């Protein structure tokens, strides 16, 4: 188990996934003697966690899930981070002029965190 933790800490591409992997180990691996289908179990766990994270972002920020998913797909296709207008368009409401930029920045950061953990 210590080797896994060292690998996660030393591998830059795994650092953003550290909490996800740690949660999987604590919930599914520790004390479980039947680890025959560990890979399939991990894939299912990651898919469930990704869906939960996606839904939490949408609920927390009052985002239209269909529009947000389209935004993620466009990012995956182009590799370009959405501009402020595109981030605002996924909302189920129109923020005031003064709330527009901080709202877009908050959504952008959540999008970056989501992508680095579940997509990249």
PDB file of N, CA and C in Angstrom:
ATOM      1  N   UNK A   1       0.827  -1.186   0.000  1.00  0.00           N
ATOM      2  CA  UNK A   1       0.000   0.000   0.000  1.00  0.00           C
ATOM      3  C   UNK A   1       0.876   1.257   0.000  1.00  0.00           C
ATOM      4  N   UNK A   2       1.983   1.178   0.680  1.00  0.00           N
ATOM      5  CA  UNK A   2       2.904   2.317   0.733  1.00  0.00           C
ATOM      6  C   UNK A   2       3.476   2.610  -0.647  1.00  0.00           C
ATOM      7  N   UNK A   3       3.725   1.560  -1.436  1.00  0.00           N
ATOM      8  CA  UNK A   3       4.236   1.739  -2.806  1.00  0.00           C
ATOM      9  C   UNK A   3       3.226   2.497  -3.669  1.00  0.00           C
ATOM     10  N   UNK A   4       1.943   2.200  -3.490  1.00  0.00           N
ATOM     11  CA  UNK A   4       0.901   2.881  -4.257  1.00  0.00           C
ATOM     12  C   UNK A   4       0.891   4.362  -3.905  1.00  0.00           C
ATOM     13  N   UNK A   5       0.957   4.674  -2.634  1.00  0.00           N
ATOM     14  CA  UNK A   5       0.966   6.071  -2.196  1.00  0.00           C
ATOM     15  C   UNK A   5       2.190   6.806  -2.725  1.00  0.00           C
ATOM     16  N   UNK A   6       3.348   6.150  -2.692  1.00  0.00           N
ATOM     17  CA  UNK A   6       4.572   6.769  -3.220  1.00  0.00           C
ATOM     18  C   UNK A   6       4.455   7.020  -4.716  1.00  0.00           C
ATOM     19  N   UNK A   7       3.875   6.071  -5.436  1.00  0.00           N
ATOM     20  CA  UNK A   7       3.685   6.223  -6.881  1.00  0.00           C
ATOM     21  C   UNK A   7       2.764   7.392  -7.186  1.00  0.00           C
ATOM     22  N   UNK A   8       1.669   7.488  -6.468  1.00  0.00           N
ATOM     23  CA  UNK A   8       0.720   8.583  -6.678  1.00  0.00           C
ATOM     24  C   UNK A   8       1.386   9.928  -6.419  1.00  0.00           C
ATOM     25  N   UNK A   9       2.175  10.015  -5.368  1.00  0.00           N
ATOM     26  CA  UNK A   9       2.835  11.272  -5.024  1.00  0.00           C
ATOM     27  C   UNK A   9       3.947  11.639  -5.999  1.00  0.00           C
ATOM     28  N   UNK A  10       4.600  10.640  -6.588  1.00  0.00           N
ATOM     29  CA  UNK A  10       5.734  10.920  -7.461  1.00  0.00           C
ATOM     30  C   UNK A  10       5.346  11.115  -8.917  1.00  0.00           C
ATOM     31  N   UNK A  11       4.200  10.606  -9.330  1.00  0.00           N
ATOM     32  CA  UNK A  11       3.773  10.695 -10.725  1.00  0.00           C
ATOM     33  C   UNK A  11       2.892  11.929 -10.913  1.00  0.00           C
ATOM     34  N   UNK A  12       3.373  12.935 -11.654  1.00  0.00           N
ATOM     35  CA  UNK A  12       2.611  14.182 -11.815  1.00  0.00           C
ATOM     36  C   UNK A  12       1.214  13.988 -12.390  1.00  0.00           C
ATOM     37  N   UNK A  13       1.043  13.034 -13.290  1.00  0.00           N
ATOM     38  CA  UNK A  13      -0.271  12.839 -13.898  1.00  0.00           C
ATOM     39  C   UNK A  13      -1.281  12.224 -12.938  1.00  0.00           C
ATOM     40  N   UNK A  14      -0.815  11.647 -11.842  1.00  0.00           N
ATOM     41  CA  UNK A  14      -1.721  11.030 -10.877  1.00  0.00           C
ATOM     42  C   UNK A  14      -2.053  11.943  -9.698  1.00  0.00           C
ATOM     43  N   UNK A  15      -1.342  13.038  -9.563  1.00  0.00           N
ATOM     44  CA  UNK A  15      -1.560  13.908  -8.398  1.00  0.00           C
ATOM     45  C   UNK A  15      -2.988  14.431  -8.319  1.00  0.00           C
ATOM     46  N   UNK A  16      -3.577  14.793  -9.462  1.00  0.00           N
ATOM     47  CA  UNK A  16      -4.946  15.310  -9.439  1.00  0.00           C
ATOM     48  C   UNK A  16      -5.963  14.215  -9.140  1.00  0.00           C
ATOM     49  N   UNK A  17      -5.547  12.972  -9.268  1.00  0.00           N
ATOM     50  CA  UNK A  17      -6.436  11.841  -9.020  1.00  0.00           C
ATOM     51  C   UNK A  17      -6.189  11.208  -7.646  1.00  0.00           C
ATOM     52  N   UNK A  18      -5.329  11.819  -6.849  1.00  0.00           N
ATOM     53  CA  UNK A  18      -4.922  11.264  -5.558  1.00  0.00           C
ATOM     54  C   UNK A  18      -6.107  10.955  -4.652  1.00  0.00           C
ATOM     55  N   UNK A  19      -6.996  11.916  -4.480  1.00  0.00           N
ATOM     56  CA  UNK A  19      -8.132  11.717  -3.578  1.00  0.00           C
ATOM     57  C   UNK A  19      -9.070  10.632  -4.089  1.00  0.00           C
ATOM     58  N   UNK A  20      -9.246  10.567  -5.386  1.00  0.00           N
ATOM     59  CA  UNK A  20     -10.094   9.537  -5.983  1.00  0.00           C
ATOM     60  C   UNK A  20      -9.525   8.149  -5.722  1.00  0.00           C
ATOM     61  N   UNK A  21      -8.235   7.988  -5.952  1.00  0.00           N
ATOM     62  CA  UNK A  21      -7.578   6.696  -5.744  1.00  0.00           C
ATOM     63  C   UNK A  21      -7.585   6.324  -4.262  1.00  0.00           C
ATOM     64  N   UNK A  22      -7.309   7.304  -3.410  1.00  0.00           N
ATOM     65  CA  UNK A  22      -7.305   7.062  -1.966  1.00  0.00           C
ATOM     66  C   UNK A  22      -8.689   6.606  -1.490  1.00  0.00           C
ATOM     67  N   UNK A  23      -9.738   7.258  -1.983  1.00  0.00           N
ATOM     68  CA  UNK A  23     -11.098   6.887  -1.608  1.00  0.00           C
ATOM     69  C   UNK A  23     -11.417   5.467  -2.072  1.00  0.00           C
ATOM     70  N   UNK A  24     -10.983   5.115  -3.273  1.00  0.00           N
ATOM     71  CA  UNK A  24     -11.206   3.765  -3.786  1.00  0.00           C
ATOM     72  C   UNK A  24     -10.506   2.726  -2.910  1.00  0.00           C
ATOM     73  N   UNK A  25      -9.273   2.990  -2.573  1.00  0.00           N
ATOM     74  CA  UNK A  25      -8.511   2.049  -1.750  1.00  0.00           C
ATOM     75  C   UNK A  25      -9.174   1.871  -0.387  1.00  0.00           C
ATOM     76  N   UNK A  26      -9.560   2.980   0.231  1.00  0.00           N
ATOM     77  CA  UNK A  26     -10.172   2.911   1.556  1.00  0.00           C
ATOM     78  C   UNK A  26     -11.518   2.204   1.534  1.00  0.00           C
ATOM     79  N   UNK A  27     -12.312   2.427   0.474  1.00  0.00           N
ATOM     80  CA  UNK A  27     -13.667   1.877   0.428  1.00  0.00           C
ATOM     81  C   UNK A  27     -13.753   0.470  -0.160  1.00  0.00           C
ATOM     82  N   UNK A  28     -12.824   0.106  -1.028  1.00  0.00           N
ATOM     83  CA  UNK A  28     -12.972  -1.154  -1.746  1.00  0.00           C
ATOM     84  C   UNK A  28     -11.814  -2.137  -1.559  1.00  0.00           C
ATOM     85  N   UNK A  29     -10.625  -1.643  -1.309  1.00  0.00           N
ATOM     86  CA  UNK A  29      -9.463  -2.530  -1.271  1.00  0.00           C
ATOM     87  C   UNK A  29      -9.116  -2.941   0.149  1.00  0.00           C
ATOM     88  N   UNK A  30      -9.084  -2.003   1.066  1.00  0.00           N
ATOM     89  CA  UNK A  30      -8.693  -2.296   2.446  1.00  0.00           C
ATOM     90  C   UNK A  30      -9.649  -3.324   3.060  1.00  0.00           C
ATOM     91  N   UNK A  31      -9.110  -4.417   3.506  1.00  0.00           N
ATOM     92  CA  UNK A  31      -9.900  -5.440   4.163  1.00  0.00           C
ATOM     93  C   UNK A  31     -10.686  -6.338   3.224  1.00  0.00           C
ATOM     94  N   UNK A  32     -10.547  -6.136   1.926  1.00  0.00           N
ATOM     95  CA  UNK A  32     -11.265  -6.954   0.950  1.00  0.00           C
ATOM     96  C   UNK A  32     -10.319  -8.011   0.405  1.00  0.00           C
ATOM     97  N   UNK A  33     -10.639  -9.254   0.647  1.00  0.00           N
ATOM     98  CA  UNK A  33      -9.787 -10.347   0.190  1.00  0.00           C
ATOM     99  C   UNK A  33     -10.104 -10.761  -1.241  1.00  0.00           C
ATOM    100  N   UNK A  34     -11.272 -10.419  -1.738  1.00  0.00           N
ATOM    101  CA  UNK A  34     -11.678 -10.809  -3.078  1.00  0.00           C
ATOM    102  C   UNK A  34     -11.409  -9.657  -4.050  1.00  0.00           C
ATOM    103  N   UNK A  35     -10.222  -9.636  -4.601  1.00  0.00           N
ATOM    104  CA  UNK A  35      -9.815  -8.562  -5.502  1.00  0.00           C
ATOM    105  C   UNK A  35      -9.636  -9.077  -6.930  1.00  0.00           C
ATOM    106  N   UNK A  36     -10.409 -10.099  -7.285  1.00  0.00           N
ATOM    107  CA  UNK A  36     -10.269 -10.724  -8.594  1.00  0.00           C
ATOM    108  C   UNK A  36     -10.534  -9.755  -9.743  1.00  0.00           C
ATOM    109  N   UNK A  37     -11.563  -8.961  -9.619  1.00  0.00           N
ATOM    110  CA  UNK A  37     -11.943  -8.071 -10.707  1.00  0.00           C
ATOM    111  C   UNK A  37     -11.718  -6.613 -10.305  1.00  0.00           C
ATOM    112  N   UNK A  38     -10.537  -6.330  -9.792  1.00  0.00           N
ATOM    113  CA  UNK A  38     -10.201  -5.014  -9.258  1.00  0.00           C
ATOM    114  C   UNK A  38     -10.286  -3.922 -10.322  1.00  0.00           C
ATOM    115  N   UNK A  39      -9.826  -4.211 -11.533  1.00  0.00           N
ATOM    116  CA  UNK A  39      -9.845  -3.201 -12.592  1.00  0.00           C
ATOM    117  C   UNK A  39     -11.275  -2.784 -12.947  1.00  0.00           C
ATOM    118  N   UNK A  40     -12.156  -3.751 -13.114  1.00  0.00           N
ATOM    119  CA  UNK A  40     -13.559  -3.441 -13.434  1.00  0.00           C
ATOM    120  C   UNK A  40     -14.216  -2.687 -12.287  1.00  0.00           C
ATOM    121  N   UNK A  41     -13.891  -3.064 -11.072  1.00  0.00           N
ATOM    122  CA  UNK A  41     -14.430  -2.386  -9.895  1.00  0.00           C
ATOM    123  C   UNK A  41     -13.951  -0.934  -9.853  1.00  0.00           C
ATOM    124  N   UNK A  42     -12.671  -0.708 -10.182  1.00  0.00           N
ATOM    125  CA  UNK A  42     -12.126   0.651 -10.184  1.00  0.00           C
ATOM    126  C   UNK A  42     -12.775   1.497 -11.282  1.00  0.00           C
ATOM    127  N   UNK A  43     -12.981   0.923 -12.456  1.00  0.00           N
ATOM    128  CA  UNK A  43     -13.619   1.660 -13.558  1.00  0.00           C
ATOM    129  C   UNK A  43     -15.036   2.052 -13.159  1.00  0.00           C
ATOM    130  N   UNK A  44     -15.777   1.134 -12.581  1.00  0.00           N
ATOM    131  CA  UNK A  44     -17.144   1.429 -12.149  1.00  0.00           C
ATOM    132  C   UNK A  44     -17.145   2.508 -11.065  1.00  0.00           C
ATOM    133  N   UNK A  45     -16.225   2.395 -10.124  1.00  0.00           N
ATOM    134  CA  UNK A  45     -16.101   3.395  -9.057  1.00  0.00           C
ATOM    135  C   UNK A  45     -15.816   4.781  -9.641  1.00  0.00           C
ATOM    136  N   UNK A  46     -14.867   4.858 -10.579  1.00  0.00           N
ATOM    137  CA  UNK A  46     -14.516   6.143 -11.200  1.00  0.00           C
ATOM    138  C   UNK A  46     -15.698   6.735 -11.957  1.00  0.00           C
ATOM    139  N   UNK A  47     -16.434   5.903 -12.670  1.00  0.00           N
ATOM    140  CA  UNK A  47     -17.606   6.386 -13.407  1.00  0.00           C
ATOM    141  C   UNK A  47     -18.665   6.936 -12.461  1.00  0.00           C
ATOM    142  N   UNK A  48     -18.881   6.255 -11.353  1.00  0.00           N
ATOM    143  CA  UNK A  48     -19.854   6.728 -10.358  1.00  0.00           C
ATOM    144  C   UNK A  48     -19.405   8.046  -9.737  1.00  0.00           C
ATOM    145  N   UNK A  49     -18.126   8.137  -9.402  1.00  0.00           N
ATOM    146  CA  UNK A  49     -17.592   9.361  -8.807  1.00  0.00           C
ATOM    147  C   UNK A  49     -17.632  10.526  -9.794  1.00  0.00           C
ATOM    148  N   UNK A  50     -17.348  10.238 -11.066  1.00  0.00           N
ATOM    149  CA  UNK A  50     -17.402  11.278 -12.097  1.00  0.00           C
ATOM    150  C   UNK A  50     -18.825  11.813 -12.239  1.00  0.00           C
ATOM    151  N   UNK A  51     -19.797  10.909 -12.271  1.00  0.00           N
ATOM    152  CA  UNK A  51     -21.188  11.331 -12.393  1.00  0.00           C
ATOM    153  C   UNK A  51     -21.611  12.161 -11.179  1.00  0.00           C
ATOM    154  N   UNK A  52     -21.182  11.729 -10.013  1.00  0.00           N
ATOM    155  CA  UNK A  52     -21.496  12.455  -8.786  1.00  0.00           C
ATOM    156  C   UNK A  52     -20.877  13.852  -8.811  1.00  0.00           C
ATOM    157  N   UNK A  53     -19.611  13.943  -9.213  1.00  0.00           N
ATOM    158  CA  UNK A  53     -18.935  15.248  -9.295  1.00  0.00           C
ATOM    159  C   UNK A  53     -19.619  16.156 -10.307  1.00  0.00           C
ATOM    160  N   UNK A  54     -19.967  15.612 -11.460  1.00  0.00           N
ATOM    161  CA  UNK A  54     -20.659  16.386 -12.496  1.00  0.00           C
ATOM    162  C   UNK A  54     -21.979  16.931 -11.957  1.00  0.00           C
ATOM    163  N   UNK A  55     -22.765  16.063 -11.333  1.00  0.00           N
ATOM    164  CA  UNK A  55     -24.058  16.487 -10.793  1.00  0.00           C
ATOM    165  C   UNK A  55     -23.901  17.509  -9.679  1.00  0.00           C
ATOM    166  N   UNK A  56     -22.866  17.362  -8.856  1.00  0.00           N
ATOM    167  CA  UNK A  56     -22.622  18.322  -7.771  1.00  0.00           C
ATOM    168  C   UNK A  56     -22.271  19.705  -8.320  1.00  0.00           C
ATOM    169  N   UNK A  57     -21.444  19.750  -9.361  1.00  0.00           N
ATOM    170  CA  UNK A  57     -21.100  21.038  -9.972  1.00  0.00           C
ATOM    171  C   UNK A  57     -22.355  21.696 -10.516  1.00  0.00           C
ATOM    172  N   UNK A  58     -23.156  20.931 -11.227  1.00  0.00           N
ATOM    173  CA  UNK A  58     -24.383  21.477 -11.820  1.00  0.00           C
ATOM    174  C   UNK A  58     -25.338  21.989 -10.736  1.00  0.00           C
ATOM    175  N   UNK A  59     -25.488  21.227  -9.668  1.00  0.00           N
ATOM    176  CA  UNK A  59     -26.387  21.638  -8.585  1.00  0.00           C
ATOM    177  C   UNK A  59     -25.835  22.842  -7.831  1.00  0.00           C
ATOM    178  N   UNK A  60     -24.546  22.823  -7.507  1.00  0.00           N
ATOM    179  CA  UNK A  60     -23.935  23.911  -6.742  1.00  0.00           C
ATOM    180  C   UNK A  60     -23.977  25.240  -7.480  1.00  0.00           C
ATOM    181  N   UNK A  61     -23.797  25.195  -8.789  1.00  0.00           N
ATOM    182  CA  UNK A  61     -23.707  26.430  -9.576  1.00  0.00           C
ATOM    183  C   UNK A  61     -24.985  26.742 -10.368  1.00  0.00           C
ATOM    184  N   UNK A  62     -26.006  25.917 -10.206  1.00  0.00           N
ATOM    185  CA  UNK A  62     -27.259  26.084 -10.945  1.00  0.00           C
ATOM    186  C   UNK A  62     -26.996  26.077 -12.456  1.00  0.00           C
ATOM    187  N   UNK A  63     -26.343  25.004 -12.898  1.00  0.00           N
ATOM    188  CA  UNK A  63     -25.936  24.831 -14.296  1.00  0.00           C
ATOM    189  C   UNK A  63     -26.858  23.830 -14.974  1.00  0.00           C
ATOM    190  N   UNK A  64     -27.164  24.095 -16.230  1.00  0.00           N
ATOM    191  CA  UNK A  64     -27.918  23.160 -17.052  1.00  0.00           C
ATOM    192  C   UNK A  64     -26.988  22.000 -17.412  1.00  0.00           C
ATOM    193  N   UNK A  65     -27.301  20.771 -16.974  1.00  0.00           N
ATOM    194  CA  UNK A  65     -26.396  19.639 -17.212  1.00  0.00           C
ATOM    195  C   UNK A  65     -26.141  19.349 -18.690  1.00  0.00           C
ATOM    196  N   UNK A  66     -27.137  19.505 -19.521  1.00  0.00           N
ATOM    197  CA  UNK A  66     -26.962  19.232 -20.955  1.00  0.00           C
ATOM    198  C   UNK A  66     -25.992  20.242 -21.568  1.00  0.00           C
ATOM    199  N   UNK A  67     -26.167  21.504 -21.226  1.00  0.00           N
ATOM    200  CA  UNK A  67     -25.265  22.542 -21.750  1.00  0.00           C
ATOM    201  C   UNK A  67     -23.847  22.366 -21.212  1.00  0.00           C
ATOM    202  N   UNK A  68     -23.740  21.979 -19.941  1.00  0.00           N
ATOM    203  CA  UNK A  68     -22.422  21.788 -19.337  1.00  0.00           C
ATOM    204  C   UNK A  68     -21.711  20.603 -19.984  1.00  0.00           C
ATOM    205  N   UNK A  69     -22.441  19.539 -20.245  1.00  0.00           N
ATOM    206  CA  UNK A  69     -21.863  18.380 -20.915  1.00  0.00           C
ATOM    207  C   UNK A  69     -21.379  18.754 -22.321  1.00  0.00           C
ATOM    208  N   UNK A  70     -22.162  19.566 -23.022  1.00  0.00           N
ATOM    209  CA  UNK A  70     -21.760  20.036 -24.352  1.00  0.00           C
ATOM    210  C   UNK A  70     -20.489  20.870 -24.262  1.00  0.00           C
ATOM    211  N   UNK A  71     -20.392  21.697 -23.239  1.00  0.00           N
ATOM    212  CA  UNK A  71     -19.200  22.508 -23.017  1.00  0.00           C
ATOM    213  C   UNK A  71     -17.974  21.622 -22.799  1.00  0.00           C
ATOM    214  N   UNK A  72     -18.138  20.562 -22.019  1.00  0.00           N
ATOM    215  CA  UNK A  72     -17.040  19.623 -21.770  1.00  0.00           C
ATOM    216  C   UNK A  72     -16.652  18.914 -23.065  1.00  0.00           C
ATOM    217  N   UNK A  73     -17.632  18.486 -23.843  1.00  0.00           N
ATOM    218  CA  UNK A  73     -17.346  17.814 -25.115  1.00  0.00           C
ATOM    219  C   UNK A  73     -16.600  18.739 -26.074  1.00  0.00           C
ATOM    220  N   UNK A  74     -17.000  20.012 -26.122  1.00  0.00           N
ATOM    221  CA  UNK A  74     -16.308  20.979 -26.974  1.00  0.00           C
ATOM    222  C   UNK A  74     -14.867  21.169 -26.519  1.00  0.00           C
ATOM    223  N   UNK A  75     -14.663  21.226 -25.204  1.00  0.00           N
ATOM    224  CA  UNK A  75     -13.301  21.342 -24.693  1.00  0.00           C
ATOM    225  C   UNK A  75     -12.474  20.123 -25.092  1.00  0.00           C
ATOM    226  N   UNK A  76     -13.047  18.935 -24.930  1.00  0.00           N
ATOM    227  CA  UNK A  76     -12.331  17.706 -25.284  1.00  0.00           C
ATOM    228  C   UNK A  76     -11.982  17.675 -26.771  1.00  0.00           C
ATOM    229  N   UNK A  77     -12.845  18.218 -27.602  1.00  0.00           N
ATOM    230  CA  UNK A  77     -12.617  18.214 -29.045  1.00  0.00           C
ATOM    231  C   UNK A  77     -11.572  19.257 -29.449  1.00  0.00           C
ATOM    232  N   UNK A  78     -11.687  20.466 -28.913  1.00  0.00           N
ATOM    233  CA  UNK A  78     -10.807  21.563 -29.339  1.00  0.00           C
ATOM    234  C   UNK A  78      -9.566  21.717 -28.476  1.00  0.00           C
ATOM    235  N   UNK A  79      -9.678  21.350 -27.196  1.00  0.00           N
ATOM    236  CA  UNK A  79      -8.579  21.567 -26.268  1.00  0.00           C
ATOM    237  C   UNK A  79      -8.502  23.000 -25.763  1.00  0.00           C
ATOM    238  N   UNK A  80      -9.470  23.824 -26.156  1.00  0.00           N
ATOM    239  CA  UNK A  80      -9.495  25.225 -25.735  1.00  0.00           C
ATOM    240  C   UNK A  80     -10.458  25.412 -24.570  1.00  0.00           C
ATOM    241  N   UNK A  81      -9.982  26.104 -23.542  1.00  0.00           N
ATOM    242  CA  UNK A  81     -10.828  26.392 -22.399  1.00  0.00           C
ATOM    243  C   UNK A  81     -11.928  27.367 -22.834  1.00  0.00           C
ATOM    244  N   UNK A  82     -13.169  27.136 -22.384  1.00  0.00           N
ATOM    245  CA  UNK A  82     -14.270  28.028 -22.775  1.00  0.00           C
ATOM    246  C   UNK A  82     -14.042  29.461 -22.292  1.00  0.00           C
ATOM    247  N   UNK A  83     -14.536  30.398 -23.079  1.00  0.00           N
ATOM    248  CA  UNK A  83     -14.456  31.809 -22.706  1.00  0.00           C
ATOM    249  C   UNK A  83     -15.581  32.140 -21.725  1.00  0.00           C
ATOM    250  N   UNK A  84     -15.504  33.307 -21.130  1.00  0.00           N
ATOM    251  CA  UNK A  84     -16.474  33.726 -20.117  1.00  0.00           C
ATOM    252  C   UNK A  84     -17.907  33.612 -20.616  1.00  0.00           C
ATOM    253  N   UNK A  85     -18.174  34.082 -21.826  1.00  0.00           N
ATOM    254  CA  UNK A  85     -19.542  34.022 -22.352  1.00  0.00           C
ATOM    255  C   UNK A  85     -20.069  32.597 -22.414  1.00  0.00           C
ATOM    256  N   UNK A  86     -19.223  31.667 -22.833  1.00  0.00           N
ATOM    257  CA  UNK A  86     -19.643  30.274 -22.923  1.00  0.00           C
ATOM    258  C   UNK A  86     -19.902  29.674 -21.546  1.00  0.00           C
ATOM    259  N   UNK A  87     -19.109  30.079 -20.562  1.00  0.00           N
ATOM    260  CA  UNK A  87     -19.313  29.599 -19.195  1.00  0.00           C
ATOM    261  C   UNK A  87     -20.628  30.125 -18.624  1.00  0.00           C
ATOM    262  N   UNK A  88     -20.938  31.362 -18.927  1.00  0.00           N
ATOM    263  CA  UNK A  88     -22.180  31.973 -18.431  1.00  0.00           C
ATOM    264  C   UNK A  88     -23.400  31.354 -19.101  1.00  0.00           C
ATOM    265  N   UNK A  89     -23.280  30.975 -20.351  1.00  0.00           N
ATOM    266  CA  UNK A  89     -24.411  30.404 -21.102  1.00  0.00           C
ATOM    267  C   UNK A  89     -24.897  29.069 -20.538  1.00  0.00           C
ATOM    268  N   UNK A  90     -24.072  28.359 -19.785  1.00  0.00           N
ATOM    269  CA  UNK A  90     -24.509  27.070 -19.240  1.00  0.00           C
ATOM    270  C   UNK A  90     -25.370  27.235 -17.990  1.00  0.00           C
ATOM    271  N   UNK A  91     -25.409  28.431 -17.436  1.00  0.00           N
ATOM    272  CA  UNK A  91     -26.185  28.688 -16.224  1.00  0.00           C
ATOM    273  C   UNK A  91     -27.682  28.681 -16.512  1.00  0.00           C
ATOM    274  N   UNK A  92     -28.453  28.327 -15.502  1.00  0.00           N
ATOM    275  CA  UNK A  92     -29.919  28.369 -15.603  1.00  0.00           C
ATOM    276  C   UNK A  92     -30.474  29.749 -15.270  1.00  0.00           C
ATOM    277  N   UNK A  93     -29.599  30.699 -15.055  1.00  0.00           N
ATOM    278  CA  UNK A  93     -29.997  32.071 -14.731  1.00  0.00           C
ATOM    279  C   UNK A  93     -28.963  33.018 -15.333  1.00  0.00           C
ATOM    280  N   UNK A  94     -29.271  34.287 -15.316  1.00  0.00           N
ATOM    281  CA  UNK A  94     -28.331  35.291 -15.802  1.00  0.00           C
ATOM    282  C   UNK A  94     -27.790  36.065 -14.604  1.00  0.00           C
ATOM    283  N   UNK A  95     -26.490  35.946 -14.345  1.00  0.00           N
ATOM    284  CA  UNK A  95     -25.921  36.682 -13.206  1.00  0.00           C
ATOM    285  C   UNK A  95     -25.876  38.184 -13.498  1.00  0.00           C
ATOM    286  N   UNK A  96     -25.851  38.961 -12.436  1.00  0.00           N
ATOM    287  CA  UNK A  96     -25.751  40.412 -12.609  1.00  0.00           C
ATOM    288  C   UNK A  96     -24.393  40.753 -13.219  1.00  0.00           C
ATOM    289  N   UNK A  97     -24.266  41.951 -13.681  1.00  0.00           N
ATOM    290  CA  UNK A  97     -23.036  42.409 -14.304  1.00  0.00           C
ATOM    291  C   UNK A  97     -21.835  42.194 -13.386  1.00  0.00           C
ATOM    292  N   UNK A  98     -22.001  42.519 -12.110  1.00  0.00           N
ATOM    293  CA  UNK A  98     -20.899  42.416 -11.154  1.00  0.00           C
ATOM    294  C   UNK A  98     -20.604  40.969 -10.748  1.00  0.00           C
ATOM    295  N   UNK A  99     -21.558  40.085 -10.890  1.00  0.00           N
ATOM    296  CA  UNK A  99     -21.369  38.682 -10.545  1.00  0.00           C
ATOM    297  C   UNK A  99     -20.877  37.845 -11.715  1.00  0.00           C
ATOM    298  N   UNK A 100     -20.943  38.384 -12.897  1.00  0.00           N
ATOM    299  CA  UNK A 100     -20.615  37.637 -14.111  1.00  0.00           C
ATOM    300  C   UNK A 100     -19.188  37.071 -14.103  1.00  0.00           C
ATOM    301  N   UNK A 101     -18.200  37.929 -13.883  1.00  0.00           N
ATOM    302  CA  UNK A 101     -16.808  37.483 -13.931  1.00  0.00           C
ATOM    303  C   UNK A 101     -16.475  36.505 -12.800  1.00  0.00           C
ATOM    304  N   UNK A 102     -16.817  36.809 -11.537  1.00  0.00           N
ATOM    305  CA  UNK A 102     -16.498  35.840 -10.479  1.00  0.00           C
ATOM    306  C   UNK A 102     -17.215  34.500 -10.660  1.00  0.00           C
ATOM    307  N   UNK A 103     -18.436  34.544 -11.180  1.00  0.00           N
ATOM    308  CA  UNK A 103     -19.178  33.307 -11.428  1.00  0.00           C
ATOM    309  C   UNK A 103     -18.486  32.490 -12.508  1.00  0.00           C
ATOM    310  N   UNK A 104     -18.095  33.137 -13.584  1.00  0.00           N
ATOM    311  CA  UNK A 104     -17.401  32.448 -14.678  1.00  0.00           C
ATOM    312  C   UNK A 104     -16.069  31.863 -14.196  1.00  0.00           C
ATOM    313  N   UNK A 105     -15.328  32.610 -13.400  1.00  0.00           N
ATOM    314  CA  UNK A 105     -14.047  32.115 -12.879  1.00  0.00           C
ATOM    315  C   UNK A 105     -14.240  30.912 -11.961  1.00  0.00           C
ATOM    316  N   UNK A 106     -15.268  30.950 -11.145  1.00  0.00           N
ATOM    317  CA  UNK A 106     -15.562  29.839 -10.239  1.00  0.00           C
ATOM    318  C   UNK A 106     -15.926  28.579 -11.035  1.00  0.00           C
ATOM    319  N   UNK A 107     -16.767  28.743 -12.053  1.00  0.00           N
ATOM    320  CA  UNK A 107     -17.152  27.611 -12.901  1.00  0.00           C
ATOM    321  C   UNK A 107     -15.937  27.093 -13.662  1.00  0.00           C
ATOM    322  N   UNK A 108     -15.113  27.991 -14.148  1.00  0.00           N
ATOM    323  CA  UNK A 108     -13.913  27.592 -14.883  1.00  0.00           C
ATOM    324  C   UNK A 108     -12.993  26.758 -13.994  1.00  0.00           C
ATOM    325  N   UNK A 109     -12.799  27.173 -12.748  1.00  0.00           N
ATOM    326  CA  UNK A 109     -11.937  26.421 -11.832  1.00  0.00           C
ATOM    327  C   UNK A 109     -12.525  25.047 -11.535  1.00  0.00           C
ATOM    328  N   UNK A 110     -13.835  24.982 -11.336  1.00  0.00           N
ATOM    329  CA  UNK A 110     -14.480  23.693 -11.101  1.00  0.00           C
ATOM    330  C   UNK A 110     -14.363  22.797 -12.333  1.00  0.00           C
ATOM    331  N   UNK A 111     -14.464  23.391 -13.508  1.00  0.00           N
ATOM    332  CA  UNK A 111     -14.305  22.640 -14.749  1.00  0.00           C
ATOM    333  C   UNK A 111     -12.885  22.097 -14.878  1.00  0.00           C
ATOM    334  N   UNK A 112     -11.899  22.920 -14.577  1.00  0.00           N
ATOM    335  CA  UNK A 112     -10.492  22.493 -14.626  1.00  0.00           C
ATOM    336  C   UNK A 112     -10.259  21.338 -13.652  1.00  0.00           C
ATOM    337  N   UNK A 113     -10.764  21.467 -12.431  1.00  0.00           N
ATOM    338  CA  UNK A 113     -10.596  20.413 -11.434  1.00  0.00           C
ATOM    339  C   UNK A 113     -11.282  19.119 -11.887  1.00  0.00           C
ATOM    340  N   UNK A 114     -12.476  19.243 -12.421  1.00  0.00           N
ATOM    341  CA  UNK A 114     -13.227  18.082 -12.911  1.00  0.00           C
ATOM    342  C   UNK A 114     -12.470  17.393 -14.043  1.00  0.00           C
ATOM    343  N   UNK A 115     -12.009  18.172 -15.002  1.00  0.00           N
ATOM    344  CA  UNK A 115     -11.296  17.600 -16.148  1.00  0.00           C
ATOM    345  C   UNK A 115      -9.998  16.928 -15.726  1.00  0.00           C
ATOM    346  N   UNK A 116      -9.260  17.547 -14.823  1.00  0.00           N
ATOM    347  CA  UNK A 116      -7.976  16.960 -14.412  1.00  0.00           C
ATOM    348  C   UNK A 116      -8.169  15.685 -13.597  1.00  0.00           C
ATOM    349  N   UNK A 117      -9.279  15.570 -12.908  1.00  0.00           N
ATOM    350  CA  UNK A 117      -9.527  14.381 -12.105  1.00  0.00           C
ATOM    351  C   UNK A 117     -10.163  13.251 -12.915  1.00  0.00           C
ATOM    352  N   UNK A 118     -11.113  13.582 -13.768  1.00  0.00           N
ATOM    353  CA  UNK A 118     -11.901  12.530 -14.407  1.00  0.00           C
ATOM    354  C   UNK A 118     -11.689  12.362 -15.905  1.00  0.00           C
ATOM    355  N   UNK A 119     -11.150  13.351 -16.568  1.00  0.00           N
ATOM    356  CA  UNK A 119     -11.065  13.267 -18.024  1.00  0.00           C
ATOM    357  C   UNK A 119      -9.615  13.135 -18.491  1.00  0.00           C
ATOM    358  N   UNK A 120      -8.746  13.989 -18.033  1.00  0.00           N
ATOM    359  CA  UNK A 120      -7.356  13.970 -18.507  1.00  0.00           C
ATOM    360  C   UNK A 120      -6.532  12.934 -17.803  1.00  0.00           C
TER     361      UNK A 120
END
